[in-house]
Amino acid sequence: MAASNGASSSGLKSDGDEALSRAMQHMELHRGELDDVFVGEEVLAEMKKEARWLAVARVNTNKNFSVDALFQTLRYVWNLAMDPELQEVDDNLFTFKFFCLGDWNKVMNQGPWLFRKLVVVIAEYDGLMDPASIALNRVAVWAQIHSIPVLYRKTDIIDQLARRIGQVKSVEIQHPRWFEGDYIREQG
């Protein structure tokens, strides 16, 4: 006896099912198909404006964790003016969209950030690349160089010392008043 949906009881597909299957095969975009899509200058300017304060991140672990717990923890420790938008791109891969430069600078420059004693690796993101293609293998940390003689506290000399630790992101020779001690801070 034939089923009312057009397929026989033996499980054979009807012509309509085959047409639907063929149509569904064309519903997925493949790499390179966006190469010849035209984007107007106004739209491109708007896209660049939207992408100006984006970041991509992952937690340095192979274990499962709650994305909600991660986001709540980061919201608490960052204490930003506006909550960022979080999007889970893949397992343990996230994009963050910030809404002001101050928040973005705080997250990108005042780390490292931890979640459950695990480092959260964060990098700038342009919004165009595949987030999975961004190398999340570096974390900037602050280091202190102690007891440098006063005459050696020159930018070029401090820079040479800091480079022995690793790649230098910034050096603070004149640190804020509330810091105590005889040291130079270096972020790398």
C-alpha atoms as a PDB file:
ATOM      1  CA  MET A   1       0.000   0.000   0.000  1.00  0.00           C
ATOM      2  CA  ALA A   2       1.387   3.423  -0.929  1.00  0.00           C
ATOM      3  CA  ALA A   3       1.950   6.073   1.719  1.00  0.00           C
ATOM      4  CA  SER A   4       0.085   9.344   1.351  1.00  0.00           C
ATOM      5  CA  ASN A   5       3.295  11.448   1.236  1.00  0.00           C
ATOM      6  CA  GLY A   6       4.372  10.109  -2.139  1.00  0.00           C
ATOM      7  CA  ALA A   7       6.886   7.527  -0.911  1.00  0.00           C
ATOM      8  CA  SER A   8       6.124   3.861  -1.192  1.00  0.00           C
ATOM      9  CA  SER A   9       6.064   1.595   1.826  1.00  0.00           C
ATOM     10  CA  SER A  10       9.343   0.093   0.583  1.00  0.00           C
ATOM     11  CA  GLY A  11      11.141   3.364   1.460  1.00  0.00           C
ATOM     12  CA  LEU A  12      11.886   4.557  -2.093  1.00  0.00           C
ATOM     13  CA  LYS A  13      12.104   8.321  -2.570  1.00  0.00           C
ATOM     14  CA  SER A  14       9.742  10.145  -4.843  1.00  0.00           C
ATOM     15  CA  ASP A  15      10.810  12.629  -7.533  1.00  0.00           C
ATOM     16  CA  GLY A  16       9.934  15.465  -5.130  1.00  0.00           C
ATOM     17  CA  ASP A  17      12.286  14.089  -2.466  1.00  0.00           C
ATOM     18  CA  GLU A  18      15.138  13.811  -4.960  1.00  0.00           C
ATOM     19  CA  ALA A  19      14.574  17.380  -6.176  1.00  0.00           C
ATOM     20  CA  LEU A  20      14.620  18.586  -2.586  1.00  0.00           C
ATOM     21  CA  SER A  21      17.866  16.709  -1.914  1.00  0.00           C
ATOM     22  CA  ARG A  22      19.493  18.298  -4.984  1.00  0.00           C
ATOM     23  CA  ALA A  23      18.319  21.760  -3.930  1.00  0.00           C
ATOM     24  CA  MET A  24      19.647  21.263  -0.395  1.00  0.00           C
ATOM     25  CA  GLN A  25      23.120  20.437  -1.763  1.00  0.00           C
ATOM     26  CA  HIS A  26      23.321  23.983  -3.133  1.00  0.00           C
ATOM     27  CA  MET A  27      22.309  25.631   0.150  1.00  0.00           C
ATOM     28  CA  GLU A  28      25.823  25.526   1.639  1.00  0.00           C
ATOM     29  CA  LEU A  29      28.506  28.102   0.810  1.00  0.00           C
ATOM     30  CA  HIS A  30      31.997  26.804   0.220  1.00  0.00           C
ATOM     31  CA  ARG A  31      35.373  28.510   0.621  1.00  0.00           C
ATOM     32  CA  GLY A  32      35.992  31.008  -2.162  1.00  0.00           C
ATOM     33  CA  GLU A  33      32.348  31.566  -3.103  1.00  0.00           C
ATOM     34  CA  LEU A  34      32.347  34.966  -1.399  1.00  0.00           C
ATOM     35  CA  ASP A  35      35.369  36.120  -3.422  1.00  0.00           C
ATOM     36  CA  ASP A  36      33.331  37.608  -6.251  1.00  0.00           C
ATOM     37  CA  VAL A  37      30.565  39.142  -4.111  1.00  0.00           C
ATOM     38  CA  PHE A  38      30.435  42.918  -4.571  1.00  0.00           C
ATOM     39  CA  VAL A  39      30.225  45.008  -1.411  1.00  0.00           C
ATOM     40  CA  GLY A  40      29.581  48.730  -1.861  1.00  0.00           C
ATOM     41  CA  GLU A  41      31.772  51.352  -0.199  1.00  0.00           C
ATOM     42  CA  GLU A  42      29.021  52.449   2.193  1.00  0.00           C
ATOM     43  CA  VAL A  43      28.359  48.875   3.289  1.00  0.00           C
ATOM     44  CA  LEU A  44      32.106  48.233   3.614  1.00  0.00           C
ATOM     45  CA  ALA A  45      32.518  51.342   5.790  1.00  0.00           C
ATOM     46  CA  GLU A  46      29.665  50.141   8.013  1.00  0.00           C
ATOM     47  CA  MET A  47      31.218  46.659   8.252  1.00  0.00           C
ATOM     48  CA  LYS A  48      34.577  48.144   9.292  1.00  0.00           C
ATOM     49  CA  LYS A  49      32.815  50.275  11.895  1.00  0.00           C
ATOM     50  CA  GLU A  50      31.108  47.174  13.347  1.00  0.00           C
ATOM     51  CA  ALA A  51      34.385  45.232  13.437  1.00  0.00           C
ATOM     52  CA  ARG A  52      36.491  47.846  15.186  1.00  0.00           C
ATOM     53  CA  TRP A  53      36.316  46.378  18.707  1.00  0.00           C
ATOM     54  CA  LEU A  54      36.209  42.622  18.148  1.00  0.00           C
ATOM     55  CA  ALA A  55      38.228  39.904  19.847  1.00  0.00           C
ATOM     56  CA  VAL A  56      38.495  36.148  19.529  1.00  0.00           C
ATOM     57  CA  ALA A  57      39.233  33.993  22.578  1.00  0.00           C
ATOM     58  CA  ARG A  58      39.568  30.504  23.955  1.00  0.00           C
ATOM     59  CA  VAL A  59      40.203  28.985  27.379  1.00  0.00           C
ATOM     60  CA  ASN A  60      43.471  27.080  27.594  1.00  0.00           C
ATOM     61  CA  THR A  61      41.943  23.688  28.391  1.00  0.00           C
ATOM     62  CA  ASN A  62      40.694  20.521  26.740  1.00  0.00           C
ATOM     63  CA  LYS A  63      38.072  19.966  29.432  1.00  0.00           C
ATOM     64  CA  ASN A  64      34.407  20.866  29.052  1.00  0.00           C
ATOM     65  CA  PHE A  65      33.102  23.936  30.838  1.00  0.00           C
ATOM     66  CA  SER A  66      29.965  26.034  30.986  1.00  0.00           C
ATOM     67  CA  VAL A  67      29.952  28.888  28.491  1.00  0.00           C
ATOM     68  CA  ASP A  68      27.529  30.759  30.749  1.00  0.00           C
ATOM     69  CA  ALA A  69      29.925  30.389  33.678  1.00  0.00           C
ATOM     70  CA  LEU A  70      32.795  31.669  31.518  1.00  0.00           C
ATOM     71  CA  PHE A  71      30.821  34.696  30.395  1.00  0.00           C
ATOM     72  CA  GLN A  72      29.565  35.498  33.901  1.00  0.00           C
ATOM     73  CA  THR A  73      33.099  35.221  35.308  1.00  0.00           C
ATOM     74  CA  LEU A  74      34.593  37.447  32.621  1.00  0.00           C
ATOM     75  CA  ARG A  75      31.806  40.011  33.008  1.00  0.00           C
ATOM     76  CA  TYR A  76      32.568  40.152  36.723  1.00  0.00           C
ATOM     77  CA  VAL A  77      36.379  40.414  36.492  1.00  0.00           C
ATOM     78  CA  TRP A  78      36.375  42.789  33.511  1.00  0.00           C
ATOM     79  CA  ASN A  79      33.788  45.118  35.121  1.00  0.00           C
ATOM     80  CA  LEU A  80      33.186  46.916  31.817  1.00  0.00           C
ATOM     81  CA  ALA A  81      31.012  49.941  31.099  1.00  0.00           C
ATOM     82  CA  MET A  82      28.853  47.844  28.737  1.00  0.00           C
ATOM     83  CA  ASP A  83      28.492  44.073  28.538  1.00  0.00           C
ATOM     84  CA  PRO A  84      30.120  42.667  25.406  1.00  0.00           C
ATOM     85  CA  GLU A  85      28.303  40.381  22.991  1.00  0.00           C
ATOM     86  CA  LEU A  86      29.593  36.817  23.213  1.00  0.00           C
ATOM     87  CA  GLN A  87      29.225  34.368  20.370  1.00  0.00           C
ATOM     88  CA  GLU A  88      30.339  30.760  20.631  1.00  0.00           C
ATOM     89  CA  VAL A  89      31.903  29.996  17.250  1.00  0.00           C
ATOM     90  CA  ASP A  90      33.041  26.451  18.002  1.00  0.00           C
ATOM     91  CA  ASP A  91      33.905  24.303  21.009  1.00  0.00           C
ATOM     92  CA  ASN A  92      36.074  26.550  23.193  1.00  0.00           C
ATOM     93  CA  LEU A  93      36.253  29.333  20.579  1.00  0.00           C
ATOM     94  CA  PHE A  94      34.436  32.612  21.101  1.00  0.00           C
ATOM     95  CA  THR A  95      34.133  36.057  19.598  1.00  0.00           C
ATOM     96  CA  PHE A  96      33.529  39.122  21.723  1.00  0.00           C
ATOM     97  CA  LYS A  97      32.124  42.391  20.437  1.00  0.00           C
ATOM     98  CA  PHE A  98      32.828  45.406  22.637  1.00  0.00           C
ATOM     99  CA  PHE A  99      30.916  48.660  22.405  1.00  0.00           C
ATOM    100  CA  CYS A 100      33.509  51.218  23.425  1.00  0.00           C
ATOM    101  CA  LEU A 101      37.243  51.663  23.028  1.00  0.00           C
ATOM    102  CA  GLY A 102      37.874  51.814  26.773  1.00  0.00           C
ATOM    103  CA  ASP A 103      36.332  48.386  27.345  1.00  0.00           C
ATOM    104  CA  TRP A 104      38.214  46.871  24.400  1.00  0.00           C
ATOM    105  CA  ASN A 105      41.532  48.356  25.572  1.00  0.00           C
ATOM    106  CA  LYS A 106      40.986  47.081  29.103  1.00  0.00           C
ATOM    107  CA  VAL A 107      40.356  43.514  27.968  1.00  0.00           C
ATOM    108  CA  MET A 108      43.138  43.475  25.378  1.00  0.00           C
ATOM    109  CA  ASN A 109      45.837  45.213  27.445  1.00  0.00           C
ATOM    110  CA  GLN A 110      45.245  44.610  31.143  1.00  0.00           C
ATOM    111  CA  GLY A 111      45.303  40.821  31.178  1.00  0.00           C
ATOM    112  CA  PRO A 112      46.132  38.037  31.479  1.00  0.00           C
ATOM    113  CA  TRP A 113      42.627  36.874  32.340  1.00  0.00           C
ATOM    114  CA  LEU A 114      41.822  33.639  34.151  1.00  0.00           C
ATOM    115  CA  PHE A 115      38.777  31.393  34.262  1.00  0.00           C
ATOM    116  CA  ARG A 116      38.876  28.662  36.914  1.00  0.00           C
ATOM    117  CA  LYS A 117      42.673  29.111  37.182  1.00  0.00           C
ATOM    118  CA  LEU A 118      43.026  28.616  33.408  1.00  0.00           C
ATOM    119  CA  VAL A 119      44.300  31.350  31.137  1.00  0.00           C
ATOM    120  CA  VAL A 120      41.891  32.901  28.623  1.00  0.00           C
ATOM    121  CA  VAL A 121      43.823  33.521  25.408  1.00  0.00           C
ATOM    122  CA  ILE A 122      42.523  36.627  23.625  1.00  0.00           C
ATOM    123  CA  ALA A 123      43.527  38.162  20.290  1.00  0.00           C
ATOM    124  CA  GLU A 124      42.351  40.995  18.091  1.00  0.00           C
ATOM    125  CA  TYR A 125      39.821  39.985  15.454  1.00  0.00           C
ATOM    126  CA  ASP A 126      38.965  41.823  12.232  1.00  0.00           C
ATOM    127  CA  GLY A 127      35.588  40.152  11.691  1.00  0.00           C
ATOM    128  CA  LEU A 128      36.564  38.946   8.213  1.00  0.00           C
ATOM    129  CA  MET A 129      38.809  35.954   8.827  1.00  0.00           C
ATOM    130  CA  ASP A 130      37.651  32.586  10.043  1.00  0.00           C
ATOM    131  CA  PRO A 131      38.084  32.816  13.851  1.00  0.00           C
ATOM    132  CA  ALA A 132      39.506  29.277  13.890  1.00  0.00           C
ATOM    133  CA  SER A 133      42.389  30.434  11.661  1.00  0.00           C
ATOM    134  CA  ILE A 134      43.657  32.948  14.231  1.00  0.00           C
ATOM    135  CA  ALA A 135      46.592  31.613  16.231  1.00  0.00           C
ATOM    136  CA  LEU A 136      45.655  31.759  19.902  1.00  0.00           C
ATOM    137  CA  ASN A 137      49.027  30.672  21.214  1.00  0.00           C
ATOM    138  CA  ARG A 138      50.363  33.784  23.010  1.00  0.00           C
ATOM    139  CA  VAL A 139      49.421  35.519  26.212  1.00  0.00           C
ATOM    140  CA  ALA A 140      50.802  38.904  27.213  1.00  0.00           C
ATOM    141  CA  VAL A 141      51.945  38.986  30.836  1.00  0.00           C
ATOM    142  CA  TRP A 142      53.435  41.698  32.994  1.00  0.00           C
ATOM    143  CA  ALA A 143      56.993  41.150  34.224  1.00  0.00           C
ATOM    144  CA  GLN A 144      59.033  43.204  36.671  1.00  0.00           C
ATOM    145  CA  ILE A 145      62.724  44.004  36.285  1.00  0.00           C
ATOM    146  CA  HIS A 146      64.090  44.897  39.725  1.00  0.00           C
ATOM    147  CA  SER A 147      66.995  47.015  40.975  1.00  0.00           C
ATOM    148  CA  ILE A 148      68.035  48.692  37.734  1.00  0.00           C
ATOM    149  CA  PRO A 149      70.616  51.416  38.480  1.00  0.00           C
ATOM    150  CA  VAL A 150      69.268  54.942  37.955  1.00  0.00           C
ATOM    151  CA  LEU A 151      71.616  55.762  35.056  1.00  0.00           C
ATOM    152  CA  TYR A 152      70.462  52.639  33.194  1.00  0.00           C
ATOM    153  CA  ARG A 153      66.798  53.667  33.349  1.00  0.00           C
ATOM    154  CA  LYS A 154      66.763  54.830  29.731  1.00  0.00           C
ATOM    155  CA  THR A 155      64.185  53.640  27.232  1.00  0.00           C
ATOM    156  CA  ASP A 156      66.652  51.938  24.852  1.00  0.00           C
ATOM    157  CA  ILE A 157      68.479  50.124  27.683  1.00  0.00           C
ATOM    158  CA  ILE A 158      65.242  49.004  29.363  1.00  0.00           C
ATOM    159  CA  ASP A 159      63.970  47.822  25.965  1.00  0.00           C
ATOM    160  CA  GLN A 160      67.077  45.638  25.523  1.00  0.00           C
ATOM    161  CA  LEU A 161      66.581  44.110  28.971  1.00  0.00           C
ATOM    162  CA  ALA A 162      62.880  43.508  28.362  1.00  0.00           C
ATOM    163  CA  ARG A 163      63.541  41.766  25.028  1.00  0.00           C
ATOM    164  CA  ARG A 164      65.580  39.125  26.870  1.00  0.00           C
ATOM    165  CA  ILE A 165      62.320  38.010  28.472  1.00  0.00           C
ATOM    166  CA  GLY A 166      60.452  37.794  25.149  1.00  0.00           C
ATOM    167  CA  GLN A 167      58.565  39.917  22.658  1.00  0.00           C
ATOM    168  CA  VAL A 168      57.835  43.330  24.208  1.00  0.00           C
ATOM    169  CA  LYS A 169      54.371  44.842  23.993  1.00  0.00           C
ATOM    170  CA  SER A 170      54.948  47.822  26.309  1.00  0.00           C
ATOM    171  CA  VAL A 171      57.323  49.081  28.997  1.00  0.00           C
ATOM    172  CA  GLU A 172      56.437  51.308  31.965  1.00  0.00           C
ATOM    173  CA  ILE A 173      59.462  53.189  33.210  1.00  0.00           C
ATOM    174  CA  GLN A 174      57.367  55.779  35.061  1.00  0.00           C
ATOM    175  CA  HIS A 175      54.725  53.664  36.738  1.00  0.00           C
ATOM    176  CA  PRO A 176      51.753  55.161  38.582  1.00  0.00           C
ATOM    177  CA  ARG A 177      52.197  56.621  42.067  1.00  0.00           C
ATOM    178  CA  TRP A 178      50.366  53.843  43.874  1.00  0.00           C
ATOM    179  CA  PHE A 179      52.957  51.239  42.792  1.00  0.00           C
ATOM    180  CA  GLU A 180      55.641  50.636  45.375  1.00  0.00           C
ATOM    181  CA  GLY A 181      59.075  49.175  44.823  1.00  0.00           C
ATOM    182  CA  ASP A 182      62.196  49.630  42.752  1.00  0.00           C
ATOM    183  CA  TYR A 183      61.302  48.008  39.451  1.00  0.00           C
ATOM    184  CA  ILE A 184      60.286  48.566  35.837  1.00  0.00           C
ATOM    185  CA  ARG A 185      57.145  46.879  34.431  1.00  0.00           C
ATOM    186  CA  GLU A 186      57.258  45.200  31.048  1.00  0.00           C
ATOM    187  CA  GLN A 187      54.372  43.592  29.177  1.00  0.00           C
ATOM    188  CA  GLY A 188      55.272  40.954  26.637  1.00  0.00           C
END
